[in-house]
Amino acid sequence: MTLTYRPRAALAALALAGLIAAGCTSSSSSMTTAPSSGPTLTGTWATTVTFQDISARMTWALTQSSSGVSGPVTIALPTGIVLLNGFLTGTLTNSSLAYTISVAPGGLPLQPACSGQLQGTMTVTQTTLTGPMNLTSSTCASPITSQTLTMTKQ
């Protein structure tokens, strides 16, 4: 197998690294339990994210326990190259999911020393999650500070 250096993909990965990179801190929240008739977030959710004219697939593999939601987050190029490995924690209250995605050192394969956090609050339905994703802290420079996502249950 021959590997070809792709400057555009590398640049996109560096841009994403800057977007995501931040000091990993934790936050706690005391919110109410989601009603049993409310949305269930357990499952795989996906969307396309775009930065510097590069499109990548963001996937959240979520598990819900009462009002708590957590699971791994990945962003990968269509070629399969992983740009980000992170972990989401959140709280579901009625039809609102407040979340934090933490990316530890090593979570950005092309910039392994970088780390960071993204946060937002999504509006939840049975099949979609819609809302902002904002960079809240970063150990690397980032050309992107926020995006609006619409994730679809797979």
N, C-alpha and C. Protein backbone atom coordinates (compact mmCIF):
# COMPACT_ATOMS: atom_id res chain seq x y z
N MET A 1 0.85 -1.17 0.00
CA MET A 1 0.00 0.00 0.00
C MET A 1 0.89 1.23 0.00
N THR A 2 0.60 2.20 -0.86
CA THR A 2 1.35 3.43 -0.96
C THR A 2 0.59 4.53 -0.25
N LEU A 3 1.26 5.24 0.63
CA LEU A 3 0.65 6.36 1.33
C LEU A 3 1.05 7.63 0.61
N THR A 4 0.10 8.49 0.34
CA THR A 4 0.35 9.75 -0.34
C THR A 4 0.09 10.88 0.63
N TYR A 5 1.05 11.79 0.74
CA TYR A 5 0.88 12.95 1.59
C TYR A 5 -0.14 13.88 0.97
N ARG A 6 -1.12 14.24 1.70
CA ARG A 6 -2.19 15.11 1.22
C ARG A 6 -2.17 16.39 2.05
N PRO A 7 -1.55 17.45 1.51
CA PRO A 7 -1.44 18.69 2.30
C PRO A 7 -2.78 19.23 2.74
N ARG A 8 -3.80 19.12 1.92
CA ARG A 8 -5.10 19.66 2.28
C ARG A 8 -5.69 18.91 3.48
N ALA A 9 -5.57 17.57 3.47
CA ALA A 9 -6.07 16.77 4.59
C ALA A 9 -5.28 17.08 5.85
N ALA A 10 -3.96 17.24 5.70
CA ALA A 10 -3.13 17.56 6.87
C ALA A 10 -3.50 18.92 7.42
N LEU A 11 -3.72 19.90 6.53
CA LEU A 11 -4.12 21.24 6.95
C LEU A 11 -5.47 21.19 7.66
N ALA A 12 -6.38 20.41 7.11
CA ALA A 12 -7.70 20.28 7.74
C ALA A 12 -7.57 19.65 9.11
N ALA A 13 -6.72 18.65 9.22
CA ALA A 13 -6.53 18.01 10.52
C ALA A 13 -5.95 18.98 11.52
N LEU A 14 -5.00 19.80 11.08
CA LEU A 14 -4.42 20.80 11.99
C LEU A 14 -5.46 21.83 12.40
N ALA A 15 -6.30 22.23 11.46
CA ALA A 15 -7.36 23.18 11.79
C ALA A 15 -8.32 22.58 12.80
N LEU A 16 -8.69 21.32 12.60
CA LEU A 16 -9.59 20.66 13.53
C LEU A 16 -8.92 20.51 14.89
N ALA A 17 -7.63 20.20 14.87
CA ALA A 17 -6.90 20.06 16.13
C ALA A 17 -6.98 21.35 16.93
N GLY A 18 -6.80 22.45 16.25
CA GLY A 18 -6.90 23.73 16.93
C GLY A 18 -8.30 24.00 17.43
N LEU A 19 -9.29 23.57 16.65
CA LEU A 19 -10.69 23.75 17.04
C LEU A 19 -10.98 23.01 18.33
N ILE A 20 -10.49 21.81 18.43
CA ILE A 20 -10.87 20.94 19.52
C ILE A 20 -9.98 21.10 20.74
N ALA A 21 -8.73 21.42 20.51
CA ALA A 21 -7.74 21.38 21.58
C ALA A 21 -8.07 22.32 22.73
N ALA A 22 -8.00 21.79 23.93
CA ALA A 22 -8.22 22.61 25.11
C ALA A 22 -7.88 21.83 26.36
N GLY A 23 -7.69 22.52 27.46
CA GLY A 23 -7.42 21.84 28.72
C GLY A 23 -8.63 21.06 29.16
N CYS A 24 -8.44 19.83 29.50
CA CYS A 24 -9.56 18.99 29.91
C CYS A 24 -9.92 19.27 31.34
N THR A 25 -11.07 19.83 31.51
CA THR A 25 -11.59 20.07 32.84
C THR A 25 -12.94 19.42 32.92
N SER A 26 -13.40 19.23 34.10
CA SER A 26 -14.72 18.62 34.23
C SER A 26 -15.66 19.63 34.84
N SER A 27 -16.90 19.46 34.53
CA SER A 27 -17.92 20.30 35.13
C SER A 27 -19.03 19.40 35.61
N SER A 28 -19.67 19.82 36.65
CA SER A 28 -20.78 19.01 37.14
C SER A 28 -22.05 19.82 37.06
N SER A 29 -23.12 19.12 36.96
CA SER A 29 -24.41 19.78 36.82
C SER A 29 -25.44 18.97 37.56
N SER A 30 -26.37 19.64 38.19
CA SER A 30 -27.43 18.91 38.88
C SER A 30 -28.74 19.27 38.21
N MET A 31 -29.12 18.45 37.22
CA MET A 31 -30.35 18.68 36.49
C MET A 31 -31.30 17.54 36.78
N THR A 32 -32.53 17.76 36.42
CA THR A 32 -33.56 16.77 36.71
C THR A 32 -33.49 15.60 35.75
N THR A 33 -34.04 14.49 36.15
CA THR A 33 -34.08 13.29 35.34
C THR A 33 -35.04 13.47 34.18
N ALA A 34 -34.64 12.94 33.03
CA ALA A 34 -35.51 13.02 31.85
C ALA A 34 -36.77 12.18 32.09
N PRO A 35 -37.90 12.68 31.70
CA PRO A 35 -39.12 11.90 31.88
C PRO A 35 -39.06 10.64 31.01
N SER A 36 -39.71 9.57 31.47
CA SER A 36 -39.67 8.31 30.75
C SER A 36 -40.30 8.42 29.37
N SER A 37 -41.17 9.39 29.15
CA SER A 37 -41.81 9.54 27.85
C SER A 37 -40.98 10.43 26.92
N GLY A 38 -39.89 10.99 27.41
CA GLY A 38 -39.06 11.88 26.61
C GLY A 38 -38.17 11.11 25.64
N PRO A 39 -37.35 11.85 24.89
CA PRO A 39 -36.47 11.22 23.91
C PRO A 39 -35.44 10.31 24.57
N THR A 40 -35.05 9.28 23.85
CA THR A 40 -34.00 8.38 24.28
C THR A 40 -32.80 8.61 23.40
N LEU A 41 -31.65 8.93 24.00
CA LEU A 41 -30.47 9.28 23.22
C LEU A 41 -29.52 8.11 22.99
N THR A 42 -29.76 6.97 23.63
CA THR A 42 -28.88 5.82 23.42
C THR A 42 -28.89 5.45 21.95
N GLY A 43 -27.71 5.36 21.38
CA GLY A 43 -27.57 5.01 19.96
C GLY A 43 -26.47 5.83 19.31
N THR A 44 -26.38 5.68 18.00
CA THR A 44 -25.36 6.39 17.23
C THR A 44 -25.99 7.57 16.51
N TRP A 45 -25.35 8.72 16.64
CA TRP A 45 -25.80 9.96 16.02
C TRP A 45 -24.67 10.46 15.12
N ALA A 46 -24.99 11.03 13.96
CA ALA A 46 -23.94 11.45 13.04
C ALA A 46 -24.34 12.71 12.28
N THR A 47 -23.31 13.43 11.83
CA THR A 47 -23.50 14.61 10.99
C THR A 47 -22.21 14.85 10.21
N THR A 48 -22.27 15.78 9.28
CA THR A 48 -21.09 16.22 8.56
C THR A 48 -20.66 17.56 9.13
N VAL A 49 -19.38 17.69 9.43
CA VAL A 49 -18.82 18.97 9.87
C VAL A 49 -17.87 19.44 8.76
N THR A 50 -17.82 20.74 8.57
CA THR A 50 -16.97 21.31 7.52
C THR A 50 -16.10 22.38 8.13
N PHE A 51 -14.82 22.36 7.77
CA PHE A 51 -13.88 23.39 8.19
C PHE A 51 -12.83 23.49 7.10
N GLN A 52 -12.47 24.70 6.75
CA GLN A 52 -11.53 24.99 5.67
C GLN A 52 -11.84 24.19 4.41
N ASP A 53 -13.10 24.18 4.02
CA ASP A 53 -13.59 23.50 2.82
C ASP A 53 -13.35 21.98 2.84
N ILE A 54 -13.16 21.40 4.00
CA ILE A 54 -12.99 19.96 4.15
C ILE A 54 -14.20 19.44 4.92
N SER A 55 -14.82 18.37 4.42
CA SER A 55 -15.95 17.75 5.10
C SER A 55 -15.50 16.48 5.80
N ALA A 56 -15.99 16.30 7.00
CA ALA A 56 -15.66 15.10 7.78
C ALA A 56 -16.93 14.65 8.49
N ARG A 57 -16.95 13.39 8.90
CA ARG A 57 -18.12 12.83 9.58
C ARG A 57 -17.87 12.81 11.09
N MET A 58 -18.79 13.45 11.81
CA MET A 58 -18.75 13.42 13.28
C MET A 58 -19.76 12.39 13.75
N THR A 59 -19.34 11.51 14.64
CA THR A 59 -20.20 10.46 15.17
C THR A 59 -20.17 10.48 16.69
N TRP A 60 -21.35 10.43 17.31
CA TRP A 60 -21.50 10.30 18.75
C TRP A 60 -22.14 8.95 19.01
N ALA A 61 -21.50 8.10 19.79
CA ALA A 61 -22.06 6.79 20.18
C ALA A 61 -22.49 6.92 21.63
N LEU A 62 -23.76 7.27 21.84
CA LEU A 62 -24.24 7.67 23.17
C LEU A 62 -24.94 6.55 23.93
N THR A 63 -24.78 6.63 25.24
CA THR A 63 -25.52 5.78 26.17
C THR A 63 -26.19 6.70 27.17
N GLN A 64 -27.48 6.47 27.40
CA GLN A 64 -28.24 7.29 28.34
C GLN A 64 -28.60 6.46 29.55
N SER A 65 -28.38 7.03 30.73
CA SER A 65 -28.79 6.42 31.98
C SER A 65 -29.51 7.49 32.78
N SER A 66 -30.82 7.38 32.88
CA SER A 66 -31.64 8.41 33.50
C SER A 66 -31.42 9.70 32.71
N SER A 67 -30.98 10.77 33.34
CA SER A 67 -30.75 12.02 32.62
C SER A 67 -29.31 12.17 32.16
N GLY A 68 -28.42 11.26 32.56
CA GLY A 68 -27.02 11.32 32.16
C GLY A 68 -26.80 10.71 30.79
N VAL A 69 -25.97 11.36 29.99
CA VAL A 69 -25.66 10.89 28.64
C VAL A 69 -24.14 10.92 28.50
N SER A 70 -23.57 9.86 27.90
CA SER A 70 -22.13 9.84 27.69
C SER A 70 -21.78 8.91 26.54
N GLY A 71 -20.56 9.08 26.02
CA GLY A 71 -20.09 8.19 24.98
C GLY A 71 -18.98 8.79 24.16
N PRO A 72 -18.31 7.94 23.37
CA PRO A 72 -17.20 8.40 22.53
C PRO A 72 -17.68 9.24 21.35
N VAL A 73 -16.81 10.16 20.95
CA VAL A 73 -17.05 11.04 19.81
C VAL A 73 -15.87 10.89 18.86
N THR A 74 -16.14 10.74 17.57
CA THR A 74 -15.07 10.70 16.58
C THR A 74 -15.39 11.65 15.44
N ILE A 75 -14.33 12.16 14.84
CA ILE A 75 -14.45 12.90 13.58
C ILE A 75 -13.45 12.25 12.64
N ALA A 76 -13.94 11.84 11.46
CA ALA A 76 -13.07 11.17 10.50
C ALA A 76 -13.34 11.69 9.09
N LEU A 77 -12.29 11.70 8.28
CA LEU A 77 -12.40 12.05 6.87
C LEU A 77 -13.09 10.91 6.12
N PRO A 78 -13.62 11.18 4.94
CA PRO A 78 -14.24 10.11 4.15
C PRO A 78 -13.28 8.95 3.86
N THR A 79 -11.98 9.22 3.88
CA THR A 79 -10.97 8.18 3.65
C THR A 79 -10.80 7.26 4.85
N GLY A 80 -11.41 7.64 5.98
CA GLY A 80 -11.28 6.85 7.20
C GLY A 80 -10.24 7.39 8.16
N ILE A 81 -9.48 8.38 7.76
CA ILE A 81 -8.46 8.97 8.64
C ILE A 81 -9.18 9.68 9.79
N VAL A 82 -8.86 9.27 11.01
CA VAL A 82 -9.49 9.85 12.20
C VAL A 82 -8.77 11.14 12.57
N LEU A 83 -9.54 12.20 12.71
CA LEU A 83 -9.01 13.50 13.08
C LEU A 83 -9.18 13.79 14.56
N LEU A 84 -10.18 13.15 15.19
CA LEU A 84 -10.48 13.43 16.59
C LEU A 84 -11.08 12.22 17.26
N ASN A 85 -10.61 11.96 18.47
CA ASN A 85 -11.21 10.99 19.39
C ASN A 85 -11.48 11.74 20.68
N GLY A 86 -12.74 11.84 21.06
CA GLY A 86 -13.08 12.54 22.28
C GLY A 86 -14.13 11.77 23.06
N PHE A 87 -14.60 12.38 24.15
CA PHE A 87 -15.61 11.74 24.97
C PHE A 87 -16.63 12.78 25.40
N LEU A 88 -17.91 12.47 25.17
CA LEU A 88 -19.01 13.37 25.51
C LEU A 88 -19.62 12.99 26.84
N THR A 89 -19.89 13.99 27.66
CA THR A 89 -20.71 13.84 28.86
C THR A 89 -21.77 14.92 28.80
N GLY A 90 -22.98 14.58 29.23
CA GLY A 90 -24.04 15.57 29.17
C GLY A 90 -25.20 15.22 30.07
N THR A 91 -26.13 16.15 30.12
CA THR A 91 -27.33 15.99 30.92
C THR A 91 -28.54 16.34 30.06
N LEU A 92 -29.49 15.40 30.00
CA LEU A 92 -30.73 15.60 29.26
C LEU A 92 -31.79 16.10 30.22
N THR A 93 -32.36 17.25 29.90
CA THR A 93 -33.47 17.81 30.66
C THR A 93 -34.59 18.11 29.68
N ASN A 94 -35.68 17.36 29.81
CA ASN A 94 -36.80 17.49 28.87
C ASN A 94 -36.29 17.29 27.45
N SER A 95 -36.32 18.31 26.60
CA SER A 95 -35.85 18.16 25.23
C SER A 95 -34.59 18.98 24.98
N SER A 96 -33.72 19.06 25.99
CA SER A 96 -32.49 19.83 25.88
C SER A 96 -31.32 19.01 26.42
N LEU A 97 -30.25 18.90 25.63
CA LEU A 97 -29.04 18.19 26.04
C LEU A 97 -27.89 19.18 26.15
N ALA A 98 -27.45 19.44 27.40
CA ALA A 98 -26.26 20.24 27.63
C ALA A 98 -25.09 19.27 27.63
N TYR A 99 -24.07 19.52 26.81
CA TYR A 99 -22.98 18.56 26.67
C TYR A 99 -21.60 19.22 26.66
N THR A 100 -20.61 18.41 26.98
CA THR A 100 -19.20 18.78 26.86
C THR A 100 -18.49 17.62 26.18
N ILE A 101 -17.70 17.93 25.17
CA ILE A 101 -16.84 16.93 24.53
C ILE A 101 -15.42 17.26 24.96
N SER A 102 -14.78 16.32 25.66
CA SER A 102 -13.40 16.50 26.10
C SER A 102 -12.48 15.69 25.20
N VAL A 103 -11.39 16.32 24.80
CA VAL A 103 -10.39 15.67 23.97
C VAL A 103 -9.08 15.71 24.74
N ALA A 104 -8.63 14.54 25.17
CA ALA A 104 -7.40 14.44 25.96
C ALA A 104 -6.19 14.46 25.03
N PRO A 105 -4.99 14.72 25.58
CA PRO A 105 -3.79 14.60 24.76
C PRO A 105 -3.77 13.22 24.08
N GLY A 106 -3.45 13.21 22.81
CA GLY A 106 -3.49 11.99 22.02
C GLY A 106 -4.79 11.82 21.27
N GLY A 107 -5.82 12.60 21.60
CA GLY A 107 -7.11 12.51 20.95
C GLY A 107 -7.16 13.14 19.57
N LEU A 108 -6.12 13.89 19.24
CA LEU A 108 -5.97 14.47 17.91
C LEU A 108 -4.71 13.82 17.31
N PRO A 109 -4.87 12.72 16.59
CA PRO A 109 -3.72 11.96 16.12
C PRO A 109 -2.66 12.77 15.37
N LEU A 110 -3.05 13.81 14.65
CA LEU A 110 -2.06 14.60 13.92
C LEU A 110 -1.42 15.69 14.78
N GLN A 111 -1.96 15.92 15.98
CA GLN A 111 -1.37 16.85 16.94
C GLN A 111 -1.54 16.25 18.34
N PRO A 112 -0.78 15.20 18.63
CA PRO A 112 -1.01 14.43 19.86
C PRO A 112 -0.80 15.20 21.17
N ALA A 113 -0.10 16.31 21.15
CA ALA A 113 0.11 17.07 22.39
C ALA A 113 -1.09 17.98 22.71
N CYS A 114 -1.96 18.19 21.75
CA CYS A 114 -3.09 19.10 21.94
C CYS A 114 -4.23 18.42 22.69
N SER A 115 -4.99 19.23 23.39
CA SER A 115 -6.19 18.76 24.08
C SER A 115 -7.20 19.89 24.07
N GLY A 116 -8.46 19.58 24.40
CA GLY A 116 -9.44 20.65 24.37
C GLY A 116 -10.83 20.23 24.78
N GLN A 117 -11.74 21.20 24.72
CA GLN A 117 -13.14 20.96 25.04
C GLN A 117 -14.04 21.75 24.11
N LEU A 118 -15.15 21.11 23.77
CA LEU A 118 -16.24 21.72 23.02
C LEU A 118 -17.49 21.61 23.87
N GLN A 119 -18.36 22.60 23.80
CA GLN A 119 -19.59 22.55 24.58
C GLN A 119 -20.75 23.10 23.78
N GLY A 120 -21.93 22.73 24.20
CA GLY A 120 -23.13 23.25 23.57
C GLY A 120 -24.37 22.72 24.25
N THR A 121 -25.51 23.16 23.77
CA THR A 121 -26.80 22.67 24.23
C THR A 121 -27.64 22.37 23.00
N MET A 122 -28.03 21.11 22.86
CA MET A 122 -28.77 20.65 21.70
C MET A 122 -30.26 20.58 22.01
N THR A 123 -31.08 20.90 21.01
CA THR A 123 -32.51 20.66 21.07
C THR A 123 -32.71 19.23 20.58
N VAL A 124 -33.44 18.43 21.36
CA VAL A 124 -33.54 16.99 21.13
C VAL A 124 -34.93 16.60 20.65
N THR A 125 -34.96 15.77 19.59
CA THR A 125 -36.18 15.07 19.20
C THR A 125 -35.81 13.59 19.17
N GLN A 126 -36.74 12.72 18.83
CA GLN A 126 -36.43 11.29 18.77
C GLN A 126 -35.39 10.97 17.70
N THR A 127 -35.27 11.81 16.66
CA THR A 127 -34.38 11.49 15.55
C THR A 127 -33.31 12.53 15.25
N THR A 128 -33.36 13.70 15.89
CA THR A 128 -32.35 14.73 15.62
C THR A 128 -31.88 15.42 16.89
N LEU A 129 -30.66 15.90 16.82
CA LEU A 129 -30.07 16.77 17.84
C LEU A 129 -29.60 18.01 17.08
N THR A 130 -30.06 19.19 17.46
CA THR A 130 -29.71 20.41 16.75
C THR A 130 -29.25 21.47 17.72
N GLY A 131 -28.12 22.09 17.40
CA GLY A 131 -27.63 23.16 18.25
C GLY A 131 -26.17 23.47 18.01
N PRO A 132 -25.62 24.37 18.81
CA PRO A 132 -24.25 24.81 18.60
C PRO A 132 -23.21 23.85 19.20
N MET A 133 -22.03 23.92 18.63
CA MET A 133 -20.84 23.28 19.19
C MET A 133 -19.80 24.40 19.24
N ASN A 134 -19.40 24.77 20.45
CA ASN A 134 -18.48 25.89 20.63
C ASN A 134 -17.19 25.43 21.28
N LEU A 135 -16.08 25.91 20.74
CA LEU A 135 -14.78 25.67 21.35
C LEU A 135 -14.72 26.49 22.63
N THR A 136 -14.49 25.83 23.77
CA THR A 136 -14.47 26.56 25.05
C THR A 136 -13.07 26.72 25.62
N SER A 137 -12.15 25.86 25.20
CA SER A 137 -10.75 26.03 25.61
C SER A 137 -9.87 25.22 24.67
N SER A 138 -8.61 25.64 24.55
CA SER A 138 -7.74 25.01 23.58
C SER A 138 -6.28 25.19 23.96
N THR A 139 -5.48 24.15 23.76
CA THR A 139 -4.04 24.26 23.96
C THR A 139 -3.33 24.51 22.64
N CYS A 140 -4.05 24.53 21.52
CA CYS A 140 -3.50 24.79 20.19
C CYS A 140 -4.34 25.87 19.50
N ALA A 141 -3.72 26.58 18.57
CA ALA A 141 -4.44 27.61 17.82
C ALA A 141 -5.54 26.98 16.97
N SER A 142 -6.65 27.71 16.83
CA SER A 142 -7.78 27.19 16.07
C SER A 142 -8.39 28.25 15.17
N PRO A 143 -8.59 27.93 13.88
CA PRO A 143 -9.27 28.88 13.00
C PRO A 143 -10.79 28.83 13.13
N ILE A 144 -11.30 27.84 13.82
CA ILE A 144 -12.75 27.65 13.96
C ILE A 144 -13.12 27.73 15.43
N THR A 145 -14.16 28.50 15.74
CA THR A 145 -14.56 28.60 17.14
C THR A 145 -15.94 28.02 17.41
N SER A 146 -16.79 27.89 16.38
CA SER A 146 -18.11 27.33 16.61
C SER A 146 -18.73 26.83 15.31
N GLN A 147 -19.71 25.94 15.45
CA GLN A 147 -20.51 25.44 14.34
C GLN A 147 -21.88 25.09 14.88
N THR A 148 -22.86 25.13 14.01
CA THR A 148 -24.19 24.64 14.36
C THR A 148 -24.32 23.25 13.76
N LEU A 149 -24.71 22.29 14.59
CA LEU A 149 -24.82 20.90 14.17
C LEU A 149 -26.28 20.47 14.08
N THR A 150 -26.57 19.59 13.16
CA THR A 150 -27.81 18.85 13.14
C THR A 150 -27.42 17.38 13.00
N MET A 151 -27.51 16.66 14.11
CA MET A 151 -27.12 15.25 14.14
C MET A 151 -28.38 14.41 13.93
N THR A 152 -28.21 13.31 13.22
CA THR A 152 -29.33 12.41 12.93
C THR A 152 -29.06 11.04 13.54
N LYS A 153 -30.08 10.49 14.18
CA LYS A 153 -29.94 9.15 14.77
C LYS A 153 -29.82 8.13 13.64
N GLN A 154 -28.84 7.28 13.75
CA GLN A 154 -28.55 6.29 12.69
C GLN A 154 -29.31 5.00 12.93
